[in-house]
Amino acid sequence: MTAPQTTCLYCGKPYAIGPDQCPHCQAPAHQRPQSKLRQFRWFFILLALFCLAMILWLPR
């Protein structure tokens, strides 16, 4: 079984997901860890709810 692969945005060559940089051109990897992505989603949802609450609560 092969490891999941991604394509480098700079050189276009495929490499296994995991390294911090492309093994071919040494460009930085562009994957975000799932935990950071999950944190961003929750932050965005809470920010949207806060804005909605402020729109409904503030006097017009």
N, C-alpha and C. Protein backbone atom coordinates (compact mmCIF):
# COMPACT_ATOMS: atom_id res chain seq x y z
N MET A 1 0.85 -1.16 0.00
CA MET A 1 0.00 0.00 0.00
C MET A 1 0.91 1.24 0.00
N THR A 2 0.57 2.21 -0.82
CA THR A 2 1.38 3.42 -0.91
C THR A 2 0.82 4.52 -0.01
N ALA A 3 1.71 5.38 0.43
CA ALA A 3 1.31 6.50 1.28
C ALA A 3 0.58 7.55 0.44
N PRO A 4 -0.33 8.31 1.05
CA PRO A 4 -1.01 9.37 0.30
C PRO A 4 0.01 10.40 -0.18
N GLN A 5 -0.23 10.91 -1.37
CA GLN A 5 0.71 11.85 -1.96
C GLN A 5 0.06 13.18 -2.27
N THR A 6 0.88 14.20 -2.35
CA THR A 6 0.45 15.53 -2.75
C THR A 6 1.40 16.01 -3.84
N THR A 7 1.02 17.05 -4.52
CA THR A 7 1.86 17.59 -5.59
C THR A 7 2.45 18.92 -5.13
N CYS A 8 3.72 19.11 -5.36
CA CYS A 8 4.38 20.36 -5.00
C CYS A 8 3.85 21.49 -5.87
N LEU A 9 3.56 22.63 -5.25
CA LEU A 9 3.05 23.77 -5.99
C LEU A 9 4.14 24.46 -6.81
N TYR A 10 5.40 24.22 -6.47
CA TYR A 10 6.50 24.89 -7.16
C TYR A 10 7.05 24.07 -8.32
N CYS A 11 7.39 22.81 -8.05
CA CYS A 11 7.99 22.01 -9.13
C CYS A 11 7.00 21.07 -9.79
N GLY A 12 5.85 20.82 -9.15
CA GLY A 12 4.81 19.99 -9.75
C GLY A 12 5.02 18.49 -9.60
N LYS A 13 6.04 18.08 -8.88
CA LYS A 13 6.31 16.65 -8.71
C LYS A 13 5.58 16.12 -7.47
N PRO A 14 5.11 14.88 -7.54
CA PRO A 14 4.41 14.31 -6.38
C PRO A 14 5.40 13.86 -5.30
N TYR A 15 4.95 13.96 -4.05
CA TYR A 15 5.73 13.43 -2.93
C TYR A 15 4.78 13.03 -1.82
N ALA A 16 5.24 12.18 -0.93
CA ALA A 16 4.40 11.67 0.16
C ALA A 16 4.06 12.79 1.14
N ILE A 17 2.84 12.75 1.66
CA ILE A 17 2.42 13.74 2.64
C ILE A 17 3.16 13.46 3.95
N GLY A 18 3.65 14.50 4.57
CA GLY A 18 4.34 14.34 5.84
C GLY A 18 5.55 15.22 5.98
N PRO A 19 6.48 15.24 5.01
CA PRO A 19 7.66 16.09 5.17
C PRO A 19 7.30 17.57 5.20
N ASP A 20 8.17 18.36 5.84
CA ASP A 20 7.95 19.80 5.93
C ASP A 20 8.31 20.53 4.63
N GLN A 21 8.99 19.83 3.72
CA GLN A 21 9.36 20.44 2.47
C GLN A 21 9.42 19.41 1.35
N CYS A 22 9.33 19.89 0.12
CA CYS A 22 9.38 19.00 -1.04
C CYS A 22 10.77 18.40 -1.14
N PRO A 23 10.89 17.08 -1.31
CA PRO A 23 12.22 16.47 -1.41
C PRO A 23 12.92 16.80 -2.73
N HIS A 24 12.20 17.30 -3.72
CA HIS A 24 12.78 17.59 -5.03
C HIS A 24 13.35 19.01 -5.11
N CYS A 25 12.57 20.01 -4.67
CA CYS A 25 13.00 21.40 -4.82
C CYS A 25 13.18 22.12 -3.49
N GLN A 26 12.92 21.44 -2.38
CA GLN A 26 13.06 21.98 -1.02
C GLN A 26 12.09 23.11 -0.71
N ALA A 27 11.01 23.25 -1.47
CA ALA A 27 9.99 24.25 -1.19
C ALA A 27 9.19 23.81 0.05
N PRO A 28 8.68 24.75 0.83
CA PRO A 28 7.91 24.37 2.03
C PRO A 28 6.62 23.65 1.66
N ALA A 29 6.24 22.71 2.51
CA ALA A 29 4.99 21.96 2.30
C ALA A 29 3.81 22.88 2.55
N HIS A 30 2.69 22.62 1.90
CA HIS A 30 1.53 23.49 2.00
C HIS A 30 0.33 22.82 2.65
N GLN A 31 0.54 21.76 3.39
CA GLN A 31 -0.57 21.12 4.09
C GLN A 31 -0.65 21.71 5.48
N ARG A 32 -1.86 21.90 5.95
CA ARG A 32 -2.08 22.34 7.32
C ARG A 32 -2.46 21.12 8.15
N PRO A 33 -1.94 21.05 9.35
CA PRO A 33 -2.36 19.95 10.23
C PRO A 33 -3.86 20.03 10.49
N GLN A 34 -4.50 18.90 10.62
CA GLN A 34 -5.95 18.85 10.83
C GLN A 34 -6.37 19.61 12.07
N SER A 35 -5.57 19.58 13.13
CA SER A 35 -5.97 20.26 14.36
C SER A 35 -6.03 21.77 14.13
N LYS A 36 -5.10 22.32 13.38
CA LYS A 36 -5.12 23.76 13.10
C LYS A 36 -6.33 24.11 12.24
N LEU A 37 -6.64 23.26 11.28
CA LEU A 37 -7.79 23.50 10.42
C LEU A 37 -9.08 23.44 11.23
N ARG A 38 -9.17 22.50 12.15
CA ARG A 38 -10.35 22.38 13.01
C ARG A 38 -10.48 23.61 13.90
N GLN A 39 -9.37 24.10 14.45
CA GLN A 39 -9.40 25.31 15.28
C GLN A 39 -9.87 26.51 14.46
N PHE A 40 -9.40 26.63 13.23
CA PHE A 40 -9.80 27.74 12.38
C PHE A 40 -11.29 27.68 12.08
N ARG A 41 -11.80 26.51 11.81
CA ARG A 41 -13.24 26.37 11.54
C ARG A 41 -14.07 26.81 12.74
N TRP A 42 -13.69 26.37 13.94
CA TRP A 42 -14.43 26.76 15.14
C TRP A 42 -14.34 28.25 15.38
N PHE A 43 -13.17 28.82 15.18
CA PHE A 43 -13.00 30.26 15.34
C PHE A 43 -13.91 31.01 14.38
N PHE A 44 -13.95 30.59 13.13
CA PHE A 44 -14.77 31.24 12.12
C PHE A 44 -16.26 31.12 12.46
N ILE A 45 -16.71 29.95 12.91
CA ILE A 45 -18.11 29.75 13.28
C ILE A 45 -18.48 30.64 14.46
N LEU A 46 -17.62 30.68 15.48
CA LEU A 46 -17.89 31.51 16.65
C LEU A 46 -17.88 33.00 16.29
N LEU A 47 -16.98 33.40 15.43
CA LEU A 47 -16.94 34.79 14.99
C LEU A 47 -18.21 35.16 14.23
N ALA A 48 -18.68 34.27 13.37
CA ALA A 48 -19.91 34.53 12.62
C ALA A 48 -21.11 34.62 13.57
N LEU A 49 -21.19 33.76 14.57
CA LEU A 49 -22.28 33.81 15.54
C LEU A 49 -22.23 35.09 16.37
N PHE A 50 -21.03 35.50 16.74
CA PHE A 50 -20.87 36.74 17.49
C PHE A 50 -21.35 37.94 16.66
N CYS A 51 -20.94 37.98 15.40
CA CYS A 51 -21.37 39.08 14.53
C CYS A 51 -22.88 39.09 14.36
N LEU A 52 -23.48 37.93 14.18
CA LEU A 52 -24.93 37.84 14.05
C LEU A 52 -25.62 38.32 15.33
N ALA A 53 -25.10 37.95 16.48
CA ALA A 53 -25.67 38.38 17.76
C ALA A 53 -25.56 39.89 17.90
N MET A 54 -24.45 40.48 17.50
CA MET A 54 -24.27 41.92 17.59
C MET A 54 -25.22 42.64 16.64
N ILE A 55 -25.44 42.11 15.45
CA ILE A 55 -26.35 42.72 14.49
C ILE A 55 -27.76 42.72 15.05
N LEU A 56 -28.18 41.62 15.67
CA LEU A 56 -29.54 41.53 16.20
C LEU A 56 -29.71 42.29 17.52
N TRP A 57 -28.65 42.41 18.31
CA TRP A 57 -28.75 43.00 19.64
C TRP A 57 -28.61 44.53 19.62
N LEU A 58 -27.72 45.06 18.78
CA LEU A 58 -27.48 46.51 18.76
C LEU A 58 -28.70 47.26 18.25
N PRO A 59 -28.93 48.45 18.80
CA PRO A 59 -30.09 49.23 18.33
C PRO A 59 -29.90 49.68 16.88
N ARG A 60 -31.04 49.86 16.23
CA ARG A 60 -30.96 50.26 14.83
C ARG A 60 -31.25 51.71 14.68
